[in-house]
Amino acid sequence: MTISEFEVKRCEREIEKFFAIKRPPAQLRSQLDFGYRIVDQSVELFEIRPNWRNPEKIMELPFAKATYVKKDGIWKIFWQRQDLKWHSYKPAPRVRYFEEFLSIVSEDAEGCFFG
Protein backbone atom coordinates (compact mmCIF):
# COMPACT_ATOMS: atom_id res chain seq x y z
CA MET A 1 0.00 0.00 0.00
CA THR A 2 1.30 3.44 -0.86
CA ILE A 3 1.51 6.31 1.57
CA SER A 4 -1.17 8.97 1.27
CA GLU A 5 -0.82 11.98 -1.01
CA PHE A 6 -0.82 14.21 2.08
CA GLU A 7 2.06 12.21 3.59
CA VAL A 8 3.98 12.33 0.29
CA LYS A 9 3.76 16.14 0.24
CA ARG A 10 4.85 16.33 3.87
CA CYS A 11 7.84 14.06 3.16
CA GLU A 12 8.81 16.11 0.10
CA ARG A 13 8.68 19.31 2.14
CA GLU A 14 10.89 17.82 4.88
CA ILE A 15 13.35 16.37 2.34
CA GLU A 16 13.71 19.76 0.67
CA LYS A 17 14.59 21.29 4.07
CA PHE A 18 17.09 18.47 4.67
CA PHE A 19 18.71 18.94 1.23
CA ALA A 20 18.90 22.71 1.70
CA ILE A 21 21.35 22.01 4.52
CA LYS A 22 23.14 18.90 3.17
CA ARG A 23 23.52 19.65 -0.55
CA PRO A 24 26.95 20.74 -1.75
CA PRO A 25 27.40 24.29 -3.10
CA ALA A 26 25.88 24.91 -6.54
CA GLN A 27 29.26 24.95 -8.32
CA LEU A 28 29.96 21.36 -7.12
CA ARG A 29 26.60 19.80 -7.91
CA SER A 30 27.71 18.52 -11.31
CA GLN A 31 30.16 16.31 -9.38
CA LEU A 32 27.96 15.45 -6.37
CA ASP A 33 24.32 16.11 -5.63
CA PHE A 34 21.47 14.42 -3.75
CA GLY A 35 18.09 13.19 -4.89
CA TYR A 36 15.17 11.16 -3.64
CA ARG A 37 12.34 9.00 -4.84
CA ILE A 38 9.10 7.94 -3.22
CA VAL A 39 7.85 4.54 -4.32
CA ASP A 40 4.86 2.88 -2.65
CA GLN A 41 5.51 3.23 1.10
CA SER A 42 9.27 3.90 0.87
CA VAL A 43 11.35 7.05 0.61
CA GLU A 44 14.86 6.54 -0.76
CA LEU A 45 17.69 9.08 -0.60
CA PHE A 46 20.59 8.81 -3.04
CA GLU A 47 23.75 10.52 -4.27
CA ILE A 48 23.94 11.70 -7.89
CA ARG A 49 27.42 11.70 -9.37
CA PRO A 50 29.29 10.94 -12.60
CA ASN A 51 30.50 7.38 -13.12
CA TRP A 52 34.21 7.23 -12.29
CA ARG A 53 34.96 5.18 -15.43
CA ASN A 54 32.74 7.15 -17.77
CA PRO A 55 32.01 10.69 -16.50
CA GLU A 56 29.33 11.11 -19.20
CA LYS A 57 27.21 8.51 -17.36
CA ILE A 58 25.40 9.70 -14.24
CA MET A 59 24.96 7.27 -11.34
CA GLU A 60 22.48 7.22 -8.50
CA LEU A 61 23.90 5.68 -5.34
CA PRO A 62 21.25 5.03 -2.66
CA PHE A 63 22.35 5.57 0.93
CA ALA A 64 19.22 5.74 3.11
CA LYS A 65 15.67 4.45 3.00
CA ALA A 66 12.62 4.82 5.23
CA THR A 67 9.63 2.53 4.81
CA TYR A 68 6.30 3.43 6.38
CA VAL A 69 4.41 0.65 8.17
CA LYS A 70 0.88 1.98 8.35
CA LYS A 71 -0.57 -0.59 10.75
CA ASP A 72 2.12 0.24 13.32
CA GLY A 73 2.39 3.95 12.49
CA ILE A 74 6.20 3.79 12.25
CA TRP A 75 9.01 4.35 9.76
CA LYS A 76 11.63 1.60 9.42
CA ILE A 77 15.14 2.88 8.71
CA PHE A 78 17.56 1.16 6.33
CA TRP A 79 21.04 1.86 4.98
CA GLN A 80 22.76 0.32 1.98
CA ARG A 81 25.98 -1.58 2.60
CA GLN A 82 28.70 -2.41 0.07
CA ASP A 83 26.79 -5.58 -0.82
CA LEU A 84 24.13 -3.23 -2.33
CA LYS A 85 21.47 -4.69 -0.03
CA TRP A 86 19.34 -2.72 2.41
CA HIS A 87 20.07 -3.40 6.07
CA SER A 88 18.15 -2.29 9.12
CA TYR A 89 19.86 0.61 10.87
CA LYS A 90 20.56 -1.11 14.21
CA PRO A 91 21.02 1.95 16.47
CA ALA A 92 17.48 3.11 15.57
CA PRO A 93 15.66 0.56 13.40
CA ARG A 94 12.36 2.44 13.57
CA VAL A 95 11.03 5.88 14.39
CA ARG A 96 7.59 7.35 14.83
CA TYR A 97 8.02 10.43 12.61
CA PHE A 98 9.63 10.94 9.21
CA GLU A 99 11.51 13.98 10.54
CA GLU A 100 13.26 11.68 13.02
CA PHE A 101 14.52 9.57 10.11
CA LEU A 102 16.02 12.64 8.44
CA SER A 103 17.56 13.74 11.72
CA ILE A 104 19.24 10.33 12.18
CA VAL A 105 20.55 10.40 8.60
CA SER A 106 21.83 13.94 9.03
CA GLU A 107 23.61 13.12 12.30
CA ASP A 108 25.05 9.87 10.86
CA ALA A 109 26.50 8.86 14.23
CA GLU A 110 27.56 5.42 12.95
CA GLY A 111 28.97 6.62 9.60
CA CYS A 112 26.51 4.47 7.67
CA PHE A 113 24.87 7.08 5.46
CA PHE A 114 27.62 9.50 4.49
CA GLY A 115 30.62 7.37 5.45
C-alpha atoms as a PDB file:
ATOM      1  CA  MET A   1       0.000   0.000   0.000  1.00  0.00           C
ATOM      2  CA  THR A   2       1.298   3.437  -0.860  1.00  0.00           C
ATOM      3  CA  ILE A   3       1.506   6.311   1.574  1.00  0.00           C
ATOM      4  CA  SER A   4      -1.168   8.972   1.274  1.00  0.00           C
ATOM      5  CA  GLU A   5      -0.823  11.981  -1.009  1.00  0.00           C
ATOM      6  CA  PHE A   6      -0.819  14.211   2.076  1.00  0.00           C
ATOM      7  CA  GLU A   7       2.059  12.208   3.591  1.00  0.00           C
ATOM      8  CA  VAL A   8       3.982  12.332   0.291  1.00  0.00           C
ATOM      9  CA  LYS A   9       3.756  16.136   0.238  1.00  0.00           C
ATOM     10  CA  ARG A  10       4.847  16.334   3.870  1.00  0.00           C
ATOM     11  CA  CYS A  11       7.841  14.063   3.165  1.00  0.00           C
ATOM     12  CA  GLU A  12       8.806  16.115   0.105  1.00  0.00           C
ATOM     13  CA  ARG A  13       8.680  19.312   2.143  1.00  0.00           C
ATOM     14  CA  GLU A  14      10.893  17.821   4.876  1.00  0.00           C
ATOM     15  CA  ILE A  15      13.350  16.371   2.341  1.00  0.00           C
ATOM     16  CA  GLU A  16      13.706  19.758   0.672  1.00  0.00           C
ATOM     17  CA  LYS A  17      14.594  21.290   4.069  1.00  0.00           C
ATOM     18  CA  PHE A  18      17.092  18.472   4.672  1.00  0.00           C
ATOM     19  CA  PHE A  19      18.709  18.937   1.234  1.00  0.00           C
ATOM     20  CA  ALA A  20      18.896  22.714   1.705  1.00  0.00           C
ATOM     21  CA  ILE A  21      21.352  22.010   4.519  1.00  0.00           C
ATOM     22  CA  LYS A  22      23.140  18.899   3.175  1.00  0.00           C
ATOM     23  CA  ARG A  23      23.523  19.647  -0.548  1.00  0.00           C
ATOM     24  CA  PRO A  24      26.953  20.737  -1.747  1.00  0.00           C
ATOM     25  CA  PRO A  25      27.402  24.291  -3.101  1.00  0.00           C
ATOM     26  CA  ALA A  26      25.883  24.912  -6.545  1.00  0.00           C
ATOM     27  CA  GLN A  27      29.261  24.949  -8.319  1.00  0.00           C
ATOM     28  CA  LEU A  28      29.964  21.364  -7.121  1.00  0.00           C
ATOM     29  CA  ARG A  29      26.599  19.802  -7.911  1.00  0.00           C
ATOM     30  CA  SER A  30      27.705  18.516 -11.313  1.00  0.00           C
ATOM     31  CA  GLN A  31      30.164  16.309  -9.378  1.00  0.00           C
ATOM     32  CA  LEU A  32      27.956  15.453  -6.375  1.00  0.00           C
ATOM     33  CA  ASP A  33      24.319  16.110  -5.633  1.00  0.00           C
ATOM     34  CA  PHE A  34      21.471  14.422  -3.751  1.00  0.00           C
ATOM     35  CA  GLY A  35      18.093  13.186  -4.892  1.00  0.00           C
ATOM     36  CA  TYR A  36      15.169  11.162  -3.637  1.00  0.00           C
ATOM     37  CA  ARG A  37      12.339   9.001  -4.835  1.00  0.00           C
ATOM     38  CA  ILE A  38       9.102   7.936  -3.223  1.00  0.00           C
ATOM     39  CA  VAL A  39       7.848   4.535  -4.320  1.00  0.00           C
ATOM     40  CA  ASP A  40       4.859   2.875  -2.653  1.00  0.00           C
ATOM     41  CA  GLN A  41       5.511   3.231   1.095  1.00  0.00           C
ATOM     42  CA  SER A  42       9.268   3.899   0.874  1.00  0.00           C
ATOM     43  CA  VAL A  43      11.353   7.053   0.613  1.00  0.00           C
ATOM     44  CA  GLU A  44      14.856   6.543  -0.757  1.00  0.00           C
ATOM     45  CA  LEU A  45      17.690   9.081  -0.605  1.00  0.00           C
ATOM     46  CA  PHE A  46      20.589   8.810  -3.044  1.00  0.00           C
ATOM     47  CA  GLU A  47      23.748  10.519  -4.274  1.00  0.00           C
ATOM     48  CA  ILE A  48      23.936  11.698  -7.886  1.00  0.00           C
ATOM     49  CA  ARG A  49      27.417  11.701  -9.368  1.00  0.00           C
ATOM     50  CA  PRO A  50      29.289  10.941 -12.600  1.00  0.00           C
ATOM     51  CA  ASN A  51      30.500   7.382 -13.115  1.00  0.00           C
ATOM     52  CA  TRP A  52      34.207   7.228 -12.288  1.00  0.00           C
ATOM     53  CA  ARG A  53      34.960   5.184 -15.435  1.00  0.00           C
ATOM     54  CA  ASN A  54      32.736   7.154 -17.771  1.00  0.00           C
ATOM     55  CA  PRO A  55      32.008  10.687 -16.500  1.00  0.00           C
ATOM     56  CA  GLU A  56      29.333  11.105 -19.199  1.00  0.00           C
ATOM     57  CA  LYS A  57      27.209   8.514 -17.361  1.00  0.00           C
ATOM     58  CA  ILE A  58      25.398   9.698 -14.244  1.00  0.00           C
ATOM     59  CA  MET A  59      24.958   7.273 -11.341  1.00  0.00           C
ATOM     60  CA  GLU A  60      22.478   7.224  -8.505  1.00  0.00           C
ATOM     61  CA  LEU A  61      23.898   5.676  -5.340  1.00  0.00           C
ATOM     62  CA  PRO A  62      21.251   5.029  -2.660  1.00  0.00           C
ATOM     63  CA  PHE A  63      22.351   5.568   0.935  1.00  0.00           C
ATOM     64  CA  ALA A  64      19.222   5.738   3.114  1.00  0.00           C
ATOM     65  CA  LYS A  65      15.670   4.454   2.997  1.00  0.00           C
ATOM     66  CA  ALA A  66      12.624   4.821   5.227  1.00  0.00           C
ATOM     67  CA  THR A  67       9.632   2.529   4.809  1.00  0.00           C
ATOM     68  CA  TYR A  68       6.296   3.426   6.378  1.00  0.00           C
ATOM     69  CA  VAL A  69       4.409   0.651   8.174  1.00  0.00           C
ATOM     70  CA  LYS A  70       0.879   1.985   8.349  1.00  0.00           C
ATOM     71  CA  LYS A  71      -0.574  -0.595  10.752  1.00  0.00           C
ATOM     72  CA  ASP A  72       2.122   0.239  13.325  1.00  0.00           C
ATOM     73  CA  GLY A  73       2.387   3.949  12.490  1.00  0.00           C
ATOM     74  CA  ILE A  74       6.197   3.789  12.249  1.00  0.00           C
ATOM     75  CA  TRP A  75       9.006   4.350   9.762  1.00  0.00           C
ATOM     76  CA  LYS A  76      11.628   1.603   9.424  1.00  0.00           C
ATOM     77  CA  ILE A  77      15.137   2.880   8.707  1.00  0.00           C
ATOM     78  CA  PHE A  78      17.565   1.162   6.331  1.00  0.00           C
ATOM     79  CA  TRP A  79      21.041   1.855   4.984  1.00  0.00           C
ATOM     80  CA  GLN A  80      22.759   0.315   1.978  1.00  0.00           C
ATOM     81  CA  ARG A  81      25.983  -1.580   2.596  1.00  0.00           C
ATOM     82  CA  GLN A  82      28.698  -2.406   0.075  1.00  0.00           C
ATOM     83  CA  ASP A  83      26.794  -5.580  -0.824  1.00  0.00           C
ATOM     84  CA  LEU A  84      24.127  -3.229  -2.328  1.00  0.00           C
ATOM     85  CA  LYS A  85      21.467  -4.693  -0.028  1.00  0.00           C
ATOM     86  CA  TRP A  86      19.341  -2.725   2.409  1.00  0.00           C
ATOM     87  CA  HIS A  87      20.073  -3.399   6.074  1.00  0.00           C
ATOM     88  CA  SER A  88      18.155  -2.286   9.121  1.00  0.00           C
ATOM     89  CA  TYR A  89      19.860   0.613  10.871  1.00  0.00           C
ATOM     90  CA  LYS A  90      20.562  -1.106  14.209  1.00  0.00           C
ATOM     91  CA  PRO A  91      21.023   1.952  16.466  1.00  0.00           C
ATOM     92  CA  ALA A  92      17.481   3.115  15.569  1.00  0.00           C
ATOM     93  CA  PRO A  93      15.659   0.561  13.399  1.00  0.00           C
ATOM     94  CA  ARG A  94      12.360   2.443  13.570  1.00  0.00           C
ATOM     95  CA  VAL A  95      11.033   5.880  14.389  1.00  0.00           C
ATOM     96  CA  ARG A  96       7.588   7.351  14.827  1.00  0.00           C
ATOM     97  CA  TYR A  97       8.018  10.427  12.608  1.00  0.00           C
ATOM     98  CA  PHE A  98       9.631  10.944   9.207  1.00  0.00           C
ATOM     99  CA  GLU A  99      11.511  13.979  10.541  1.00  0.00           C
ATOM    100  CA  GLU A 100      13.264  11.680  13.023  1.00  0.00           C
ATOM    101  CA  PHE A 101      14.519   9.570  10.114  1.00  0.00           C
ATOM    102  CA  LEU A 102      16.020  12.638   8.436  1.00  0.00           C
ATOM    103  CA  SER A 103      17.563  13.741  11.724  1.00  0.00           C
ATOM    104  CA  ILE A 104      19.239  10.334  12.178  1.00  0.00           C
ATOM    105  CA  VAL A 105      20.547  10.399   8.600  1.00  0.00           C
ATOM    106  CA  SER A 106      21.829  13.939   9.035  1.00  0.00           C
ATOM    107  CA  GLU A 107      23.612  13.122  12.299  1.00  0.00           C
ATOM    108  CA  ASP A 108      25.050   9.869  10.856  1.00  0.00           C
ATOM    109  CA  ALA A 109      26.496   8.858  14.230  1.00  0.00           C
ATOM    110  CA  GLU A 110      27.563   5.422  12.947  1.00  0.00           C
ATOM    111  CA  GLY A 111      28.972   6.624   9.600  1.00  0.00           C
ATOM    112  CA  CYS A 112      26.507   4.466   7.666  1.00  0.00           C
ATOM    113  CA  PHE A 113      24.865   7.084   5.458  1.00  0.00           C
ATOM    114  CA  PHE A 114      27.624   9.503   4.488  1.00  0.00           C
ATOM    115  CA  GLY A 115      30.625   7.365   5.455  1.00  0.00           C
END
